[in-house]
Amino acid sequence: MKFASVRVVTRDIERLLDFYQRLSGIEAVRPADGFAEMRFEGATLAISSEHLIELFNIGAATAAANRSAILEFEVDDVDAVFERMNASGSTIVMPTTLMPWGNRSLLLRDPDGNLVNVFSRPER
């Protein structure tokens, strides 16, 4: 079995794509109207309009209702990401903080309220 992606369902795909493209600098691939993928090294973030869920799987997922998953992104420079995302008005949950296990971590929310952790590991 191969883990393929994590999909986030949204009512405003353009707003969510803008957030993740600004966060990562990666351009989304759009294979269909209302669906996009952001292909990171080692993982894919899929973004789907709630409209598609309603067409094919009504009631299976609800946009902006997550409070249990955290999307995590490893970067080289957490402080640079903090500056960029803070300047763009993103909701910062926890500014860049040194965690007890050595990671530098930034918590923010995407426009739908999903929790996003951006972190760097200590140099080894």
Protein backbone atom coordinates (compact mmCIF):
# COMPACT_ATOMS: atom_id res chain seq x y z
CA MET A 1 0.00 0.00 0.00
CA LYS A 2 1.20 3.49 -0.82
CA PHE A 3 0.01 6.55 1.08
CA ALA A 4 -1.18 8.89 -1.67
CA SER A 5 -2.30 12.19 -0.13
CA VAL A 6 -4.23 14.13 2.47
CA ARG A 7 -7.28 15.91 1.06
CA VAL A 8 -8.76 19.06 2.53
CA VAL A 9 -12.33 19.95 1.55
CA THR A 10 -13.17 23.64 1.25
CA ARG A 11 -15.94 26.00 0.20
CA ASP A 12 -13.37 28.39 -1.32
CA ILE A 13 -10.71 26.49 -3.24
CA GLU A 14 -9.00 29.62 -4.59
CA ARG A 15 -8.52 31.09 -1.10
CA LEU A 16 -7.09 27.83 0.25
CA LEU A 17 -4.81 27.33 -2.74
CA ASP A 18 -3.51 30.88 -2.36
CA PHE A 19 -2.66 30.20 1.30
CA TYR A 20 -0.77 26.94 0.64
CA GLN A 21 1.01 28.32 -2.44
CA ARG A 22 2.13 31.35 -0.40
CA LEU A 23 3.20 29.08 2.47
CA SER A 24 5.19 26.70 0.28
CA GLY A 25 6.12 28.48 -2.93
CA ILE A 26 4.80 25.42 -4.81
CA GLU A 27 2.38 25.86 -7.70
CA ALA A 28 -0.77 23.72 -7.56
CA VAL A 29 -1.60 21.19 -10.26
CA ARG A 30 -5.27 21.35 -11.30
CA PRO A 31 -6.38 18.13 -13.01
CA ALA A 32 -10.11 19.00 -12.74
CA ASP A 33 -12.38 21.91 -11.94
CA GLY A 34 -12.79 22.12 -8.15
CA PHE A 35 -9.78 19.90 -7.42
CA ALA A 36 -6.08 20.63 -7.09
CA GLU A 37 -2.95 18.96 -5.79
CA MET A 38 0.17 20.42 -4.28
CA ARG A 39 2.96 17.91 -4.74
CA PHE A 40 5.54 18.25 -2.01
CA GLU A 41 8.63 16.12 -1.62
CA GLY A 42 7.32 12.92 -0.02
CA ALA A 43 3.61 13.88 0.19
CA THR A 44 0.71 15.41 -1.71
CA LEU A 45 -1.84 17.85 -0.34
CA ALA A 46 -5.09 17.55 -2.30
CA ILE A 47 -7.67 20.34 -2.10
CA SER A 48 -11.24 19.71 -3.17
CA SER A 49 -14.26 21.95 -3.36
CA GLU A 50 -17.14 20.93 -1.13
CA HIS A 51 -19.25 21.06 -4.29
CA LEU A 52 -17.47 17.94 -5.62
CA ILE A 53 -18.20 16.06 -2.40
CA GLU A 54 -21.86 17.03 -2.69
CA LEU A 55 -21.97 15.73 -6.28
CA PHE A 56 -20.38 12.35 -5.66
CA ASN A 57 -20.38 11.62 -1.90
CA ILE A 58 -23.00 13.87 -0.29
CA GLY A 59 -22.41 14.24 3.44
CA ALA A 60 -19.09 12.36 3.43
CA ALA A 61 -17.02 15.45 4.34
CA THR A 62 -17.79 18.93 5.62
CA ALA A 63 -15.59 21.91 4.77
CA ALA A 64 -13.91 23.84 7.59
CA ALA A 65 -15.01 21.35 10.28
CA ASN A 66 -11.65 19.78 11.25
CA ARG A 67 -10.34 20.09 14.80
CA SER A 68 -8.37 16.85 15.09
CA ALA A 69 -5.70 16.79 12.35
CA ILE A 70 -2.61 18.95 11.99
CA LEU A 71 -0.94 19.48 8.59
CA GLU A 72 2.83 19.53 9.15
CA PHE A 73 5.53 20.95 6.90
CA GLU A 74 9.28 20.71 7.51
CA VAL A 75 11.30 23.70 6.30
CA ASP A 76 14.85 24.99 6.61
CA ASP A 77 13.93 28.45 7.97
CA VAL A 78 10.82 28.65 10.16
CA ASP A 79 11.46 32.32 10.97
CA ALA A 80 11.31 33.28 7.28
CA VAL A 81 7.98 31.44 6.93
CA PHE A 82 6.68 33.20 10.04
CA GLU A 83 7.61 36.62 8.64
CA ARG A 84 6.00 35.87 5.25
CA MET A 85 2.78 34.43 6.66
CA ASN A 86 2.44 37.03 9.43
CA ALA A 87 2.89 39.85 6.88
CA SER A 88 0.12 38.33 4.76
CA GLY A 89 -2.33 38.39 7.69
CA SER A 90 -2.43 34.67 8.41
CA THR A 91 -3.78 33.61 11.80
CA ILE A 92 -0.79 32.79 13.99
CA VAL A 93 -1.65 30.33 16.78
CA MET A 94 1.90 30.09 18.17
CA PRO A 95 4.81 32.20 16.92
CA THR A 96 8.09 30.45 16.20
CA THR A 97 8.99 28.58 19.39
CA LEU A 98 11.80 26.24 20.38
CA MET A 99 10.14 22.99 21.46
CA PRO A 100 11.58 20.78 24.25
CA TRP A 101 12.62 18.11 21.70
CA GLY A 102 14.66 20.66 19.73
CA ASN A 103 12.37 21.53 16.80
CA ARG A 104 11.59 25.16 16.03
CA SER A 105 7.87 25.24 15.40
CA LEU A 106 5.25 27.71 14.12
CA LEU A 107 1.52 27.01 14.39
CA LEU A 108 -0.97 28.83 12.21
CA ARG A 109 -4.44 28.29 10.79
CA ASP A 110 -5.28 28.12 7.13
CA PRO A 111 -8.29 30.15 5.93
CA ASP A 112 -10.66 27.25 6.76
CA GLY A 113 -9.31 26.95 10.31
CA ASN A 114 -7.17 23.83 9.79
CA LEU A 115 -4.15 23.79 12.09
CA VAL A 116 -0.79 23.96 10.28
CA ASN A 117 2.57 23.24 11.93
CA VAL A 118 5.68 24.52 10.17
CA PHE A 119 8.87 23.28 11.77
CA SER A 120 12.59 22.72 11.39
CA ARG A 121 14.59 19.99 13.05
CA PRO A 122 17.75 20.71 15.03
CA GLU A 123 20.98 20.30 13.12
CA ARG A 124 22.56 16.94 13.84
